[in-house]
Amino acid sequence: MGDLREVASGLHFPEGPIAMPDGSVIVVEMLAPRLTRVLPDGTKETIADIPGGPNGAAIGPDGSVYLCNNGGCFTDVQMGGLSFPGPWSKERYVGGCIQKVDLATGKVEDLYTECDGWPLRAPNDIVFDEHGGFYFTDHGYAEVDARTAHQTGIYYALADGSAIREIVFPAASPNGIGLSPDGRTLYWAETMNGRLMQRDVTAPGEVAPAAFDASNCLYGFPGLQLLDSLAVDSAGNVCVGTLVNGGVSVVSPEGELVEFVPVDDMLVTNICFGGDDLSTAYITASSTGRLLQADWPRPGAPLSYLNT
């Protein structure tokens, strides 16, 4: 892998990178909160202000950005000049939702705020399939004062706002989510457990029932390593942002740790692929507010509605 290079700094907890065909990278600034375009020279342009907490993002079939909004479930904690997501605050929290943002006008539209009468708590990450739908995680949050944690899961919804359903419940602090290159396996990361989970996709928006064996877990990380968002490369490896032990962990579809790419930030939250042949990795180093890039040894897997 090539050396890490800084594309932009001064971002307020960047997440959800999208490498655009014009060479720009769209990121959320979760603790700003807003959606921002970073140009190749590092210039930053605000696309839209996003009340709450914009988190994962993806381009949908109509060219809009689809956002997971965690509702502002994290407070902004500053320590030693670094940003950290702090505990839930009733005063800050506005409720979780899935939103659509028009890139031309900056108009923000709420698509989903609940599923089967249950409110979305803290939607976190999103990935589209080739059928016009998307999978997303709801990370949930804990009300520390009330000693209450909301159990959440994995959802599938249509981009036109017409249908949403829960496909995995419960899931433990689900965060990053992605599809294998052939679309037959759904992966997600459990933040606090340090596990990469997987299920077979049996039809659009449907996954196989949980098996009572180790096959549901692709890889479990030793020690105190927390997991954030992820991307899948063309070889089918899951590349997941790794917290505390800051970097990107690369896990093969066979469940082996292929490599670990260290980054000088303990909160490495996400990775996406862009550039020629999808061989440039863009990495969000969130506590230091930077967007980084590197030449990656394997190209990324094409994403529906963006790289195909």
C-alpha atoms as a PDB file:
ATOM      1  CA  MET A   1       0.000   0.000   0.000  1.00  0.00           C
ATOM      2  CA  GLY A   2       1.192   3.512  -0.776  1.00  0.00           C
ATOM      3  CA  ASP A   3       1.832   6.179   1.834  1.00  0.00           C
ATOM      4  CA  LEU A   4      -1.147   7.972   3.352  1.00  0.00           C
ATOM      5  CA  ARG A   5      -1.657  11.484   2.000  1.00  0.00           C
ATOM      6  CA  GLU A   6      -3.807  14.206   3.506  1.00  0.00           C
ATOM      7  CA  VAL A   7      -6.582  15.470   1.235  1.00  0.00           C
ATOM      8  CA  ALA A   8      -8.282  17.794   3.717  1.00  0.00           C
ATOM      9  CA  SER A   9      -8.186  18.758   7.380  1.00  0.00           C
ATOM     10  CA  GLY A  10     -10.380  20.823   9.674  1.00  0.00           C
ATOM     11  CA  LEU A  11     -13.386  18.542   9.228  1.00  0.00           C
ATOM     12  CA  HIS A  12     -15.647  18.061  12.241  1.00  0.00           C
ATOM     13  CA  PHE A  13     -15.679  14.271  12.684  1.00  0.00           C
ATOM     14  CA  PRO A  14     -15.818  13.167   9.028  1.00  0.00           C
ATOM     15  CA  GLU A  15     -17.632   9.936   8.166  1.00  0.00           C
ATOM     16  CA  GLY A  16     -19.441   8.272   5.257  1.00  0.00           C
ATOM     17  CA  PRO A  17     -17.024   9.107   2.391  1.00  0.00           C
ATOM     18  CA  ILE A  18     -18.283   8.836  -1.205  1.00  0.00           C
ATOM     19  CA  ALA A  19     -15.652   9.096  -3.963  1.00  0.00           C
ATOM     20  CA  MET A  20     -17.383  10.894  -6.834  1.00  0.00           C
ATOM     21  CA  PRO A  21     -16.583  10.503 -10.567  1.00  0.00           C
ATOM     22  CA  ASP A  22     -15.351  14.117 -10.781  1.00  0.00           C
ATOM     23  CA  GLY A  23     -12.570  13.453  -8.254  1.00  0.00           C
ATOM     24  CA  SER A  24     -14.296  15.086  -5.309  1.00  0.00           C
ATOM     25  CA  VAL A  25     -15.184  13.191  -2.143  1.00  0.00           C
ATOM     26  CA  ILE A  26     -18.443  13.769  -0.294  1.00  0.00           C
ATOM     27  CA  VAL A  27     -18.303  13.295   3.473  1.00  0.00           C
ATOM     28  CA  VAL A  28     -20.594  13.925   6.376  1.00  0.00           C
ATOM     29  CA  GLU A  29     -19.321  16.012   9.252  1.00  0.00           C
ATOM     30  CA  MET A  30     -21.205  14.201  11.982  1.00  0.00           C
ATOM     31  CA  LEU A  31     -20.551  16.684  14.759  1.00  0.00           C
ATOM     32  CA  ALA A  32     -20.928  19.835  12.609  1.00  0.00           C
ATOM     33  CA  PRO A  33     -23.536  18.597  11.467  1.00  0.00           C
ATOM     34  CA  ARG A  34     -23.494  18.894   7.655  1.00  0.00           C
ATOM     35  CA  LEU A  35     -22.831  17.229   4.312  1.00  0.00           C
ATOM     36  CA  THR A  36     -19.612  18.459   2.699  1.00  0.00           C
ATOM     37  CA  ARG A  37     -17.892  18.101  -0.664  1.00  0.00           C
ATOM     38  CA  VAL A  38     -14.086  17.966  -0.561  1.00  0.00           C
ATOM     39  CA  LEU A  39     -12.455  18.943  -3.849  1.00  0.00           C
ATOM     40  CA  PRO A  40      -9.170  17.366  -5.022  1.00  0.00           C
ATOM     41  CA  ASP A  41      -7.229  20.437  -3.844  1.00  0.00           C
ATOM     42  CA  GLY A  42      -8.694  20.119  -0.335  1.00  0.00           C
ATOM     43  CA  THR A  43     -11.229  22.920  -0.711  1.00  0.00           C
ATOM     44  CA  LYS A  44     -14.436  22.249   1.233  1.00  0.00           C
ATOM     45  CA  GLU A  45     -17.959  23.146   0.098  1.00  0.00           C
ATOM     46  CA  THR A  46     -21.091  22.727   2.218  1.00  0.00           C
ATOM     47  CA  ILE A  47     -23.786  20.819   0.332  1.00  0.00           C
ATOM     48  CA  ALA A  48     -26.395  20.973   3.078  1.00  0.00           C
ATOM     49  CA  ASP A  49     -26.749  21.493   6.795  1.00  0.00           C
ATOM     50  CA  ILE A  50     -28.136  18.298   8.346  1.00  0.00           C
ATOM     51  CA  PRO A  51     -29.704  18.747  11.807  1.00  0.00           C
ATOM     52  CA  GLY A  52     -29.067  15.764  14.048  1.00  0.00           C
ATOM     53  CA  GLY A  53     -26.115  13.542  13.215  1.00  0.00           C
ATOM     54  CA  PRO A  54     -25.433  12.607   9.577  1.00  0.00           C
ATOM     55  CA  ASN A  55     -23.555   9.317   9.506  1.00  0.00           C
ATOM     56  CA  GLY A  56     -23.280   6.784   6.657  1.00  0.00           C
ATOM     57  CA  ALA A  57     -23.994   7.969   3.101  1.00  0.00           C
ATOM     58  CA  ALA A  58     -24.428   6.466  -0.359  1.00  0.00           C
ATOM     59  CA  ILE A  59     -25.445   7.495  -3.861  1.00  0.00           C
ATOM     60  CA  GLY A  60     -28.860   6.146  -4.837  1.00  0.00           C
ATOM     61  CA  PRO A  61     -30.438   5.288  -8.195  1.00  0.00           C
ATOM     62  CA  ASP A  62     -31.580   8.884  -8.786  1.00  0.00           C
ATOM     63  CA  GLY A  63     -28.139  10.368  -8.108  1.00  0.00           C
ATOM     64  CA  SER A  64     -29.110  11.768  -4.715  1.00  0.00           C
ATOM     65  CA  VAL A  65     -27.197  11.142  -1.518  1.00  0.00           C
ATOM     66  CA  TYR A  66     -29.024   8.861   0.895  1.00  0.00           C
ATOM     67  CA  LEU A  67     -28.084   9.472   4.520  1.00  0.00           C
ATOM     68  CA  CYS A  68     -28.289   7.617   7.772  1.00  0.00           C
ATOM     69  CA  ASN A  69     -29.009  10.255  10.412  1.00  0.00           C
ATOM     70  CA  ASN A  70     -28.328   9.083  13.963  1.00  0.00           C
ATOM     71  CA  GLY A  71     -30.405  11.958  15.318  1.00  0.00           C
ATOM     72  CA  GLY A  72     -27.505  13.597  17.102  1.00  0.00           C
ATOM     73  CA  CYS A  73     -27.250  10.733  19.582  1.00  0.00           C
ATOM     74  CA  PHE A  74     -23.606  11.614  20.235  1.00  0.00           C
ATOM     75  CA  THR A  75     -22.473  14.751  22.011  1.00  0.00           C
ATOM     76  CA  ASP A  76     -19.296  16.533  20.928  1.00  0.00           C
ATOM     77  CA  VAL A  77     -16.458  15.908  23.374  1.00  0.00           C
ATOM     78  CA  GLN A  78     -13.145  17.719  22.861  1.00  0.00           C
ATOM     79  CA  MET A  79     -10.012  16.310  24.468  1.00  0.00           C
ATOM     80  CA  GLY A  80      -6.520  17.550  23.703  1.00  0.00           C
ATOM     81  CA  GLY A  81      -7.665  19.160  20.454  1.00  0.00           C
ATOM     82  CA  LEU A  82      -9.314  15.920  19.272  1.00  0.00           C
ATOM     83  CA  SER A  83     -13.022  15.223  18.708  1.00  0.00           C
ATOM     84  CA  PHE A  84     -14.773  12.255  20.281  1.00  0.00           C
ATOM     85  CA  PRO A  85     -18.441  11.253  20.181  1.00  0.00           C
ATOM     86  CA  GLY A  86     -19.748  11.544  23.712  1.00  0.00           C
ATOM     87  CA  PRO A  87     -22.794  10.102  25.518  1.00  0.00           C
ATOM     88  CA  TRP A  88     -26.397  10.550  24.418  1.00  0.00           C
ATOM     89  CA  SER A  89     -28.056  13.829  25.357  1.00  0.00           C
ATOM     90  CA  LYS A  90     -31.820  14.364  25.465  1.00  0.00           C
ATOM     91  CA  GLU A  91     -31.301  18.031  24.591  1.00  0.00           C
ATOM     92  CA  ARG A  92     -29.316  17.247  21.426  1.00  0.00           C
ATOM     93  CA  TYR A  93     -31.164  14.171  20.162  1.00  0.00           C
ATOM     94  CA  VAL A  94     -33.834  14.821  17.469  1.00  0.00           C
ATOM     95  CA  GLY A  95     -34.636  11.215  16.476  1.00  0.00           C
ATOM     96  CA  GLY A  96     -33.074   8.890  13.928  1.00  0.00           C
ATOM     97  CA  CYS A  97     -34.087   8.757  10.270  1.00  0.00           C
ATOM     98  CA  ILE A  98     -33.105   7.975   6.698  1.00  0.00           C
ATOM     99  CA  GLN A  99     -32.835  11.072   4.518  1.00  0.00           C
ATOM    100  CA  LYS A 100     -32.323  11.984   0.866  1.00  0.00           C
ATOM    101  CA  VAL A 101     -30.249  14.993  -0.186  1.00  0.00           C
ATOM    102  CA  ASP A 102     -30.477  16.589  -3.634  1.00  0.00           C
ATOM    103  CA  LEU A 103     -26.902  17.396  -4.621  1.00  0.00           C
ATOM    104  CA  ALA A 104     -27.961  20.204  -6.956  1.00  0.00           C
ATOM    105  CA  THR A 105     -30.170  22.109  -4.523  1.00  0.00           C
ATOM    106  CA  GLY A 106     -29.141  20.850  -1.080  1.00  0.00           C
ATOM    107  CA  LYS A 107     -32.771  19.983  -0.297  1.00  0.00           C
ATOM    108  CA  VAL A 108     -33.038  17.457   2.537  1.00  0.00           C
ATOM    109  CA  GLU A 109     -36.004  15.079   2.670  1.00  0.00           C
ATOM    110  CA  ASP A 110     -36.918  12.582   5.385  1.00  0.00           C
ATOM    111  CA  LEU A 111     -37.669   9.157   3.863  1.00  0.00           C
ATOM    112  CA  TYR A 112     -38.071   6.901   6.892  1.00  0.00           C
ATOM    113  CA  THR A 113     -38.379   7.625  10.596  1.00  0.00           C
ATOM    114  CA  GLU A 114     -39.821   4.283  11.777  1.00  0.00           C
ATOM    115  CA  CYS A 115     -40.378   0.646  10.869  1.00  0.00           C
ATOM    116  CA  ASP A 116     -43.523  -1.238  11.850  1.00  0.00           C
ATOM    117  CA  GLY A 117     -44.364   1.438  14.383  1.00  0.00           C
ATOM    118  CA  TRP A 118     -40.937   1.339  16.047  1.00  0.00           C
ATOM    119  CA  PRO A 119     -38.877   4.545  15.727  1.00  0.00           C
ATOM    120  CA  LEU A 120     -35.468   4.404  14.091  1.00  0.00           C
ATOM    121  CA  ARG A 121     -33.018   5.139  16.888  1.00  0.00           C
ATOM    122  CA  ALA A 122     -29.629   5.897  15.344  1.00  0.00           C
ATOM    123  CA  PRO A 123     -29.225   4.779  11.704  1.00  0.00           C
ATOM    124  CA  ASN A 124     -25.522   4.443  11.028  1.00  0.00           C
ATOM    125  CA  ASP A 125     -24.413   3.022   7.664  1.00  0.00           C
ATOM    126  CA  ILE A 126     -25.974   2.178   4.308  1.00  0.00           C
ATOM    127  CA  VAL A 127     -25.313   0.177   1.139  1.00  0.00           C
ATOM    128  CA  PHE A 128     -27.413  -0.101  -2.041  1.00  0.00           C
ATOM    129  CA  ASP A 129     -28.046  -3.269  -3.979  1.00  0.00           C
ATOM    130  CA  GLU A 130     -28.680  -3.458  -7.719  1.00  0.00           C
ATOM    131  CA  HIS A 131     -32.452  -3.720  -7.252  1.00  0.00           C
ATOM    132  CA  GLY A 132     -33.084  -0.143  -6.108  1.00  0.00           C
ATOM    133  CA  GLY A 133     -33.106  -0.905  -2.408  1.00  0.00           C
ATOM    134  CA  PHE A 134     -30.651  -0.426   0.408  1.00  0.00           C
ATOM    135  CA  TYR A 135     -29.579  -2.165   3.579  1.00  0.00           C
ATOM    136  CA  PHE A 136     -28.806  -0.077   6.648  1.00  0.00           C
ATOM    137  CA  THR A 137     -27.817  -0.521  10.259  1.00  0.00           C
ATOM    138  CA  ASP A 138     -29.351   1.122  13.299  1.00  0.00           C
ATOM    139  CA  HIS A 139     -26.599   1.424  15.882  1.00  0.00           C
ATOM    140  CA  GLY A 140     -28.938   2.403  18.698  1.00  0.00           C
ATOM    141  CA  TYR A 141     -27.862   4.353  21.739  1.00  0.00           C
ATOM    142  CA  ALA A 142     -27.810   4.083  25.500  1.00  0.00           C
ATOM    143  CA  GLU A 143     -29.507   6.494  27.876  1.00  0.00           C
ATOM    144  CA  VAL A 144     -26.800   6.417  30.505  1.00  0.00           C
ATOM    145  CA  ASP A 145     -28.782   8.245  33.186  1.00  0.00           C
ATOM    146  CA  ALA A 146     -31.717   5.853  32.786  1.00  0.00           C
ATOM    147  CA  ARG A 147     -29.462   2.783  32.430  1.00  0.00           C
ATOM    148  CA  THR A 148     -31.379   1.919  29.274  1.00  0.00           C
ATOM    149  CA  ALA A 149     -30.078   0.704  25.915  1.00  0.00           C
ATOM    150  CA  HIS A 150     -32.297   0.425  22.840  1.00  0.00           C
ATOM    151  CA  GLN A 151     -31.981  -2.843  20.942  1.00  0.00           C
ATOM    152  CA  THR A 152     -31.798  -2.377  17.203  1.00  0.00           C
ATOM    153  CA  GLY A 153     -31.155  -4.315  14.015  1.00  0.00           C
ATOM    154  CA  ILE A 154     -30.563  -4.379  10.264  1.00  0.00           C
ATOM    155  CA  TYR A 155     -33.120  -3.008   7.807  1.00  0.00           C
ATOM    156  CA  TYR A 156     -33.922  -3.039   4.099  1.00  0.00           C
ATOM    157  CA  ALA A 157     -35.778  -0.199   2.402  1.00  0.00           C
ATOM    158  CA  LEU A 158     -36.638   1.069  -1.069  1.00  0.00           C
ATOM    159  CA  ALA A 159     -35.192   4.333  -2.354  1.00  0.00           C
ATOM    160  CA  ASP A 160     -38.584   5.774  -3.299  1.00  0.00           C
ATOM    161  CA  GLY A 161     -39.735   5.783   0.326  1.00  0.00           C
ATOM    162  CA  SER A 162     -42.442   3.163  -0.252  1.00  0.00           C
ATOM    163  CA  ALA A 163     -41.297   0.235   1.889  1.00  0.00           C
ATOM    164  CA  ILE A 164     -39.077  -0.623   4.837  1.00  0.00           C
ATOM    165  CA  ARG A 165     -38.652  -3.826   6.818  1.00  0.00           C
ATOM    166  CA  GLU A 166     -36.471  -5.201   9.579  1.00  0.00           C
ATOM    167  CA  ILE A 167     -34.440  -8.208   8.419  1.00  0.00           C
ATOM    168  CA  VAL A 168     -32.170  -8.908  11.427  1.00  0.00           C
ATOM    169  CA  PHE A 169     -33.146  -8.407  15.064  1.00  0.00           C
ATOM    170  CA  PRO A 170     -31.549  -7.979  17.453  1.00  0.00           C
ATOM    171  CA  ALA A 171     -28.058  -6.893  16.446  1.00  0.00           C
ATOM    172  CA  ALA A 172     -25.411  -5.668  18.876  1.00  0.00           C
ATOM    173  CA  SER A 173     -24.297  -2.074  18.128  1.00  0.00           C
ATOM    174  CA  PRO A 174     -24.404  -2.643  14.333  1.00  0.00           C
ATOM    175  CA  ASN A 175     -22.303  -0.120  12.454  1.00  0.00           C
ATOM    176  CA  GLY A 176     -20.691  -0.557   9.005  1.00  0.00           C
ATOM    177  CA  ILE A 177     -22.535  -2.559   6.351  1.00  0.00           C
ATOM    178  CA  GLY A 178     -21.599  -3.869   2.905  1.00  0.00           C
ATOM    179  CA  LEU A 179     -22.290  -6.451   0.211  1.00  0.00           C
ATOM    180  CA  SER A 180     -19.948  -8.979  -1.346  1.00  0.00           C
ATOM    181  CA  PRO A 181     -19.049  -8.216  -4.989  1.00  0.00           C
ATOM    182  CA  ASP A 182     -21.635 -10.767  -6.214  1.00  0.00           C
ATOM    183  CA  GLY A 183     -24.292  -9.373  -3.876  1.00  0.00           C
ATOM    184  CA  ARG A 184     -24.861 -12.756  -2.231  1.00  0.00           C
ATOM    185  CA  THR A 185     -23.445 -11.988   1.213  1.00  0.00           C
ATOM    186  CA  LEU A 186     -24.343  -9.164   3.572  1.00  0.00           C
ATOM    187  CA  TYR A 187     -21.672  -8.046   6.037  1.00  0.00           C
ATOM    188  CA  TRP A 188     -21.959  -5.770   9.029  1.00  0.00           C
ATOM    189  CA  ALA A 189     -19.685  -4.716  11.872  1.00  0.00           C
ATOM    190  CA  GLU A 190     -20.612  -4.858  15.539  1.00  0.00           C
ATOM    191  CA  THR A 191     -18.824  -1.930  17.165  1.00  0.00           C
ATOM    192  CA  MET A 192     -18.588  -2.908  20.803  1.00  0.00           C
ATOM    193  CA  ASN A 193     -18.203  -6.663  20.254  1.00  0.00           C
ATOM    194  CA  GLY A 194     -15.424  -6.195  17.700  1.00  0.00           C
ATOM    195  CA  ARG A 195     -17.003  -8.671  15.303  1.00  0.00           C
ATOM    196  CA  LEU A 196     -17.674  -8.800  11.588  1.00  0.00           C
ATOM    197  CA  MET A 197     -20.977 -10.576  10.997  1.00  0.00           C
ATOM    198  CA  GLN A 198     -22.387 -12.092   7.805  1.00  0.00           C
ATOM    199  CA  ARG A 199     -25.588 -13.550   6.364  1.00  0.00           C
ATOM    200  CA  ASP A 200     -26.409 -15.046   2.972  1.00  0.00           C
ATOM    201  CA  VAL A 201     -28.701 -12.870   0.841  1.00  0.00           C
ATOM    202  CA  THR A 202     -31.515 -15.137  -0.353  1.00  0.00           C
ATOM    203  CA  ALA A 203     -33.504 -12.508  -2.301  1.00  0.00           C
ATOM    204  CA  PRO A 204     -33.488  -8.700  -2.527  1.00  0.00           C
ATOM    205  CA  GLY A 205     -33.879  -7.486   1.032  1.00  0.00           C
ATOM    206  CA  GLU A 206     -33.980 -10.987   2.504  1.00  0.00           C
ATOM    207  CA  VAL A 207     -31.284 -12.895   4.390  1.00  0.00           C
ATOM    208  CA  ALA A 208     -30.973 -16.458   5.617  1.00  0.00           C
ATOM    209  CA  PRO A 209     -32.030 -17.145   9.201  1.00  0.00           C
ATOM    210  CA  ALA A 210     -29.338 -17.041  11.839  1.00  0.00           C
ATOM    211  CA  ALA A 211     -27.528 -20.337  12.266  1.00  0.00           C
ATOM    212  CA  PHE A 212     -26.643 -21.471  15.770  1.00  0.00           C
ATOM    213  CA  ASP A 213     -22.984 -21.917  14.926  1.00  0.00           C
ATOM    214  CA  ALA A 214     -19.905 -19.841  14.166  1.00  0.00           C
ATOM    215  CA  SER A 215     -20.867 -19.238  10.520  1.00  0.00           C
ATOM    216  CA  ASN A 216     -22.682 -15.994  11.373  1.00  0.00           C
ATOM    217  CA  CYS A 217     -19.399 -14.421  12.495  1.00  0.00           C
ATOM    218  CA  LEU A 218     -16.862 -13.784   9.745  1.00  0.00           C
ATOM    219  CA  TYR A 219     -14.132 -12.612  12.135  1.00  0.00           C
ATOM    220  CA  GLY A 220     -13.777 -11.688  15.806  1.00  0.00           C
ATOM    221  CA  PHE A 221     -11.083  -9.188  16.765  1.00  0.00           C
ATOM    222  CA  PRO A 222      -8.897  -9.875  19.815  1.00  0.00           C
ATOM    223  CA  GLY A 223      -8.363  -7.410  22.611  1.00  0.00           C
ATOM    224  CA  LEU A 224      -9.942  -3.963  22.732  1.00  0.00           C
ATOM    225  CA  GLN A 225     -10.565  -3.243  19.059  1.00  0.00           C
ATOM    226  CA  LEU A 226     -13.859  -1.556  18.218  1.00  0.00           C
ATOM    227  CA  LEU A 227     -15.273  -1.500  14.713  1.00  0.00           C
ATOM    228  CA  ASP A 228     -16.852   1.252  12.652  1.00  0.00           C
ATOM    229  CA  SER A 229     -17.859   1.452   8.981  1.00  0.00           C
ATOM    230  CA  LEU A 230     -16.589  -0.671   6.135  1.00  0.00           C
ATOM    231  CA  ALA A 231     -16.123  -1.177   2.403  1.00  0.00           C
ATOM    232  CA  VAL A 232     -15.588  -4.318   0.334  1.00  0.00           C
ATOM    233  CA  ASP A 233     -12.795  -4.632  -2.228  1.00  0.00           C
ATOM    234  CA  SER A 234     -12.856  -6.440  -5.571  1.00  0.00           C
ATOM    235  CA  ALA A 235     -11.340  -9.577  -4.020  1.00  0.00           C
ATOM    236  CA  GLY A 236     -14.242  -9.746  -1.583  1.00  0.00           C
ATOM    237  CA  ASN A 237     -12.197  -8.614   1.417  1.00  0.00           C
ATOM    238  CA  VAL A 238     -14.006  -6.593   4.062  1.00  0.00           C
ATOM    239  CA  CYS A 239     -12.051  -3.421   4.894  1.00  0.00           C
ATOM    240  CA  VAL A 240     -13.286  -2.076   8.217  1.00  0.00           C
ATOM    241  CA  GLY A 241     -12.397   1.071  10.104  1.00  0.00           C
ATOM    242  CA  THR A 242     -10.885   0.025  13.418  1.00  0.00           C
ATOM    243  CA  LEU A 243     -11.113   2.136  16.560  1.00  0.00           C
ATOM    244  CA  VAL A 244      -8.708   2.367  19.505  1.00  0.00           C
ATOM    245  CA  ASN A 245      -6.175   0.369  17.468  1.00  0.00           C
ATOM    246  CA  GLY A 246      -6.555   3.049  14.808  1.00  0.00           C
ATOM    247  CA  GLY A 247      -6.400   1.808  11.231  1.00  0.00           C
ATOM    248  CA  VAL A 248      -8.112  -0.287   8.583  1.00  0.00           C
ATOM    249  CA  SER A 249      -8.404  -4.038   9.098  1.00  0.00           C
ATOM    250  CA  VAL A 250      -8.756  -6.197   5.980  1.00  0.00           C
ATOM    251  CA  VAL A 251     -10.560  -9.525   6.450  1.00  0.00           C
ATOM    252  CA  SER A 252     -10.889 -12.103   3.668  1.00  0.00           C
ATOM    253  CA  PRO A 253     -14.245 -13.710   2.767  1.00  0.00           C
ATOM    254  CA  GLU A 254     -12.802 -16.876   4.305  1.00  0.00           C
ATOM    255  CA  GLY A 255     -12.521 -15.115   7.669  1.00  0.00           C
ATOM    256  CA  GLU A 256      -8.775 -14.472   7.824  1.00  0.00           C
ATOM    257  CA  LEU A 257      -7.115 -11.174   8.742  1.00  0.00           C
ATOM    258  CA  VAL A 258      -5.230 -10.315   5.543  1.00  0.00           C
ATOM    259  CA  GLU A 259      -3.571  -7.130   6.757  1.00  0.00           C
ATOM    260  CA  PHE A 260      -3.852  -4.157   9.057  1.00  0.00           C
ATOM    261  CA  VAL A 261      -3.119  -0.642   7.786  1.00  0.00           C
ATOM    262  CA  PRO A 262      -2.254   1.653  10.724  1.00  0.00           C
ATOM    263  CA  VAL A 263      -3.362   5.286  10.708  1.00  0.00           C
ATOM    264  CA  ASP A 264      -2.221   7.983  13.139  1.00  0.00           C
ATOM    265  CA  ASP A 265      -5.720   8.457  14.549  1.00  0.00           C
ATOM    266  CA  MET A 266      -7.402   6.186  17.083  1.00  0.00           C
ATOM    267  CA  LEU A 267     -10.814   6.767  15.502  1.00  0.00           C
ATOM    268  CA  VAL A 268     -10.480   5.558  11.913  1.00  0.00           C
ATOM    269  CA  THR A 269     -14.134   5.354  10.992  1.00  0.00           C
ATOM    270  CA  ASN A 270     -14.468   4.576   7.293  1.00  0.00           C
ATOM    271  CA  ILE A 271     -12.949   3.791   3.920  1.00  0.00           C
ATOM    272  CA  CYS A 272     -14.198   4.062   0.342  1.00  0.00           C
ATOM    273  CA  PHE A 273     -12.628   3.523  -3.066  1.00  0.00           C
ATOM    274  CA  GLY A 274     -12.348   5.866  -6.029  1.00  0.00           C
ATOM    275  CA  GLY A 275      -9.985   7.145  -8.689  1.00  0.00           C
ATOM    276  CA  ASP A 276      -8.801   5.227 -11.726  1.00  0.00           C
ATOM    277  CA  ASP A 277      -9.859   1.570 -11.494  1.00  0.00           C
ATOM    278  CA  LEU A 278     -11.097   2.226  -7.920  1.00  0.00           C
ATOM    279  CA  SER A 279      -7.527   1.791  -6.730  1.00  0.00           C
ATOM    280  CA  THR A 280      -7.418   4.871  -4.473  1.00  0.00           C
ATOM    281  CA  ALA A 281      -8.614   4.443  -0.899  1.00  0.00           C
ATOM    282  CA  TYR A 282     -10.119   7.402   0.942  1.00  0.00           C
ATOM    283  CA  ILE A 283     -10.019   7.064   4.717  1.00  0.00           C
ATOM    284  CA  THR A 284     -11.711   9.208   7.362  1.00  0.00           C
ATOM    285  CA  ALA A 285      -9.492   9.914  10.371  1.00  0.00           C
ATOM    286  CA  SER A 286     -12.264  11.326  12.491  1.00  0.00           C
ATOM    287  CA  SER A 287     -10.824  12.453  15.811  1.00  0.00           C
ATOM    288  CA  THR A 288      -8.217  14.552  13.989  1.00  0.00           C
ATOM    289  CA  GLY A 289     -10.730  15.771  11.393  1.00  0.00           C
ATOM    290  CA  ARG A 290      -8.888  14.593   8.272  1.00  0.00           C
ATOM    291  CA  LEU A 291      -9.657  12.923   4.980  1.00  0.00           C
ATOM    292  CA  LEU A 292      -6.721  10.800   3.827  1.00  0.00           C
ATOM    293  CA  GLN A 293      -5.959   8.895   0.624  1.00  0.00           C
ATOM    294  CA  ALA A 294      -3.630   6.088  -0.351  1.00  0.00           C
ATOM    295  CA  ASP A 295      -2.910   3.837  -3.301  1.00  0.00           C
ATOM    296  CA  TRP A 296      -4.564   0.529  -2.397  1.00  0.00           C
ATOM    297  CA  PRO A 297      -3.131  -2.850  -3.454  1.00  0.00           C
ATOM    298  CA  ARG A 298      -6.545  -4.089  -4.615  1.00  0.00           C
ATOM    299  CA  PRO A 299      -9.286  -2.040  -6.298  1.00  0.00           C
ATOM    300  CA  GLY A 300     -12.555  -1.566  -4.532  1.00  0.00           C
ATOM    301  CA  ALA A 301     -15.692  -3.440  -5.513  1.00  0.00           C
ATOM    302  CA  PRO A 302     -17.952  -1.303  -7.726  1.00  0.00           C
ATOM    303  CA  LEU A 303     -20.961   0.194  -5.959  1.00  0.00           C
ATOM    304  CA  SER A 304     -24.442   0.191  -7.439  1.00  0.00           C
ATOM    305  CA  TYR A 305     -25.361   3.576  -8.978  1.00  0.00           C
ATOM    306  CA  LEU A 306     -21.885   5.047  -8.566  1.00  0.00           C
ATOM    307  CA  ASN A 307     -19.026   2.992 -10.020  1.00  0.00           C
ATOM    308  CA  THR A 308     -20.840   0.695 -12.436  1.00  0.00           C
END
